[in-house]
C-alpha atoms as a PDB file:
ATOM      1  CA  MET A   1       0.000   0.000   0.000  1.00  0.00           C
ATOM      2  CA  SER A   2       2.861   2.367   0.742  1.00  0.00           C
ATOM      3  CA  ASP A   3       4.321   1.886  -2.750  1.00  0.00           C
ATOM      4  CA  PHE A   4       0.937   2.706  -4.291  1.00  0.00           C
ATOM      5  CA  VAL A   5       0.734   5.976  -2.377  1.00  0.00           C
ATOM      6  CA  SER A   6       4.288   7.038  -3.144  1.00  0.00           C
ATOM      7  CA  ASN A   7       4.133   5.995  -6.807  1.00  0.00           C
ATOM      8  CA  THR A   8       0.681   7.374  -7.579  1.00  0.00           C
ATOM      9  CA  TRP A   9      -0.220  10.231  -5.279  1.00  0.00           C
ATOM     10  CA  ASN A  10       3.146  11.960  -4.965  1.00  0.00           C
ATOM     11  CA  PRO A  11       3.463  12.706  -8.714  1.00  0.00           C
ATOM     12  CA  LEU A  12      -0.160  13.875  -8.818  1.00  0.00           C
ATOM     13  CA  ILE A  13       0.368  16.218  -5.878  1.00  0.00           C
ATOM     14  CA  TYR A  14       3.590  17.478  -7.493  1.00  0.00           C
ATOM     15  CA  ILE A  15       1.775  18.261 -10.761  1.00  0.00           C
ATOM     16  CA  LEU A  16      -1.084  19.928  -8.892  1.00  0.00           C
ATOM     17  CA  GLY A  17       1.381  22.058  -6.918  1.00  0.00           C
ATOM     18  CA  THR A  18       3.232  22.987 -10.101  1.00  0.00           C
ATOM     19  CA  LEU A  19      -0.017  24.248 -11.618  1.00  0.00           C
ATOM     20  CA  ILE A  20      -1.381  26.042  -8.556  1.00  0.00           C
ATOM     21  CA  ARG A  21       1.802  27.838  -7.466  1.00  0.00           C
ATOM     22  CA  PRO A  22       1.939  30.264 -10.447  1.00  0.00           C
ATOM     23  CA  LEU A  23      -1.778  30.965 -10.133  1.00  0.00           C
ATOM     24  CA  GLY A  24      -1.278  31.792  -6.459  1.00  0.00           C
ATOM     25  CA  GLY A  25       1.570  34.104  -7.442  1.00  0.00           C
ATOM     26  CA  LEU A  26      -0.703  35.790  -9.968  1.00  0.00           C
ATOM     27  CA  LEU A  27      -3.426  36.280  -7.371  1.00  0.00           C
ATOM     28  CA  LEU A  28      -0.941  37.581  -4.809  1.00  0.00           C
ATOM     29  CA  GLY A  29       0.538  39.922  -7.425  1.00  0.00           C
ATOM     30  CA  VAL A  30      -2.854  41.345  -8.351  1.00  0.00           C
ATOM     31  CA  ALA A  31      -3.698  41.900  -4.681  1.00  0.00           C
ATOM     32  CA  ALA A  32      -0.340  43.513  -3.867  1.00  0.00           C
ATOM     33  CA  GLY A  33      -0.385  45.643  -7.007  1.00  0.00           C
ATOM     34  CA  TRP A  34      -3.954  46.772  -6.397  1.00  0.00           C
ATOM     35  CA  LEU A  35      -3.183  47.689  -2.786  1.00  0.00           C
ATOM     36  CA  GLY A  36      -0.006  49.484  -3.785  1.00  0.00           C
ATOM     37  CA  ALA A  37      -1.643  51.366  -6.638  1.00  0.00           C
ATOM     38  CA  THR A  38      -4.575  52.569  -4.548  1.00  0.00           C
ATOM     39  CA  ILE A  39      -2.192  54.013  -1.978  1.00  0.00           C
ATOM     40  CA  LEU A  40       0.225  55.440  -4.566  1.00  0.00           C
ATOM     41  CA  LEU A  41      -2.546  57.146  -6.539  1.00  0.00           C
ATOM     42  CA  ASP A  42      -4.077  58.760  -3.480  1.00  0.00           C
ATOM     43  CA  ALA A  43      -2.625  62.276  -3.324  1.00  0.00           C
ATOM     44  CA  ALA A  44      -3.486  62.774   0.345  1.00  0.00           C
ATOM     45  CA  ARG A  45      -1.078  60.087   1.548  1.00  0.00           C
ATOM     46  CA  GLU A  46       2.299  60.979   2.964  1.00  0.00           C
ATOM     47  CA  TRP A  47       5.442  60.356   0.952  1.00  0.00           C
ATOM     48  CA  GLN A  48       6.800  57.955   3.594  1.00  0.00           C
ATOM     49  CA  LEU A  49       3.869  55.613   3.012  1.00  0.00           C
ATOM     50  CA  LYS A  50       4.422  55.721  -0.737  1.00  0.00           C
ATOM     51  CA  ILE A  51       8.083  54.779  -0.281  1.00  0.00           C
ATOM     52  CA  ALA A  52       7.100  51.978   2.107  1.00  0.00           C
ATOM     53  CA  ILE A  53       4.644  50.556  -0.459  1.00  0.00           C
ATOM     54  CA  PHE A  54       7.270  50.694  -3.200  1.00  0.00           C
ATOM     55  CA  LEU A  55       9.891  49.004  -1.010  1.00  0.00           C
ATOM     56  CA  GLY A  56       7.334  46.426   0.128  1.00  0.00           C
ATOM     57  CA  LEU A  57       6.555  45.432  -3.460  1.00  0.00           C
ATOM     58  CA  LEU A  58      10.261  45.318  -4.239  1.00  0.00           C
ATOM     59  CA  GLY A  59      10.847  43.169  -1.160  1.00  0.00           C
ATOM     60  CA  ALA A  60       8.052  40.826  -2.230  1.00  0.00           C
ATOM     61  CA  PHE A  61       9.713  40.392  -5.630  1.00  0.00           C
ATOM     62  CA  VAL A  62      13.088  39.646  -4.039  1.00  0.00           C
ATOM     63  CA  THR A  63      11.632  37.260  -1.455  1.00  0.00           C
ATOM     64  CA  LEU A  64       9.634  35.359  -4.057  1.00  0.00           C
ATOM     65  CA  ASN A  65      12.731  35.137  -6.229  1.00  0.00           C
ATOM     66  CA  ILE A  66      14.711  33.579  -3.379  1.00  0.00           C
ATOM     67  CA  TYR A  67      12.107  31.137  -2.065  1.00  0.00           C
ATOM     68  CA  SER A  68      10.068  30.317  -5.145  1.00  0.00           C
ATOM     69  CA  GLY A  69      10.507  29.444  -8.791  1.00  0.00           C
ATOM     70  CA  ALA A  70      10.901  31.795 -11.710  1.00  0.00           C
ATOM     71  CA  GLY A  71       7.395  31.055 -12.963  1.00  0.00           C
ATOM     72  CA  THR A  72       5.827  32.208  -9.721  1.00  0.00           C
ATOM     73  CA  VAL A  73       7.862  35.417  -9.727  1.00  0.00           C
ATOM     74  CA  GLY A  74       6.868  36.057 -13.332  1.00  0.00           C
ATOM     75  CA  PHE A  75       3.193  35.548 -12.616  1.00  0.00           C
ATOM     76  CA  PHE A  76       3.493  37.795  -9.537  1.00  0.00           C
ATOM     77  CA  ALA A  77       5.061  40.506 -11.693  1.00  0.00           C
ATOM     78  CA  ILE A  78       2.382  40.131 -14.363  1.00  0.00           C
ATOM     79  CA  GLY A  79      -0.383  40.355 -11.752  1.00  0.00           C
ATOM     80  CA  ALA A  80       1.118  43.358  -9.975  1.00  0.00           C
ATOM     81  CA  GLY A  81       1.790  45.154 -13.249  1.00  0.00           C
ATOM     82  CA  ALA A  82      -1.702  44.480 -14.554  1.00  0.00           C
ATOM     83  CA  ALA A  83      -3.301  45.739 -11.336  1.00  0.00           C
ATOM     84  CA  VAL A  84      -1.226  48.929 -11.353  1.00  0.00           C
ATOM     85  CA  ILE A  85      -1.954  49.576 -15.036  1.00  0.00           C
ATOM     86  CA  LEU A  86      -5.681  48.864 -14.764  1.00  0.00           C
ATOM     87  CA  LEU A  87      -6.094  51.013 -11.674  1.00  0.00           C
ATOM     88  CA  GLY A  88      -4.026  53.790 -13.255  1.00  0.00           C
ATOM     89  CA  VAL A  89      -6.144  53.730 -16.413  1.00  0.00           C
ATOM     90  CA  ARG A  90      -9.313  53.741 -14.337  1.00  0.00           C
ATOM     91  CA  SER A  91      -8.127  56.731 -12.298  1.00  0.00           C
ATOM     92  CA  MET A  92      -7.292  58.723 -15.452  1.00  0.00           C
ATOM     93  CA  GLN A  93     -10.799  58.447 -16.858  1.00  0.00           C
ATOM     94  CA  PRO A  94     -12.928  61.534 -16.295  1.00  0.00           C
ATOM     95  CA  LYS A  95     -15.489  61.288 -13.561  1.00  0.00           C
ATOM     96  CA  LYS A  96     -19.035  60.883 -14.838  1.00  0.00           C
ATOM     97  CA  THR A  97     -21.432  63.372 -13.399  1.00  0.00           C
ATOM     98  CA  ASP A  98     -25.011  62.391 -12.913  1.00  0.00           C
ATOM     99  CA  THR A  99     -27.084  64.973 -14.770  1.00  0.00           C
ATOM    100  CA  LYS A 100     -30.776  64.373 -14.486  1.00  0.00           C
ATOM    101  CA  SER A 101     -33.118  66.624 -16.360  1.00  0.00           C
ATOM    102  CA  LYS A 102     -36.246  67.589 -14.474  1.00  0.00           C
END
């Protein structure tokens, strides 16, 4: 029974982990990028907080590079970049005013 578990389940768990790890990096990157972009785009925040967010994202990239694979770091970068770009594009759009005619 032990050979069945080690020969069957271990490769399946390895494949599942190989597929889920980059998706987790993508999700973490989107969340970190979205959080960082909302704070960076807010003009009322202090400059120290903006530097802390930038260094935190940089530290997350470095830490993921040390403890994880290149695919996870790439997906994290794609997610963070996409979140920053999408939030930046959304903030540049003019605000719609609600004009109701009476």
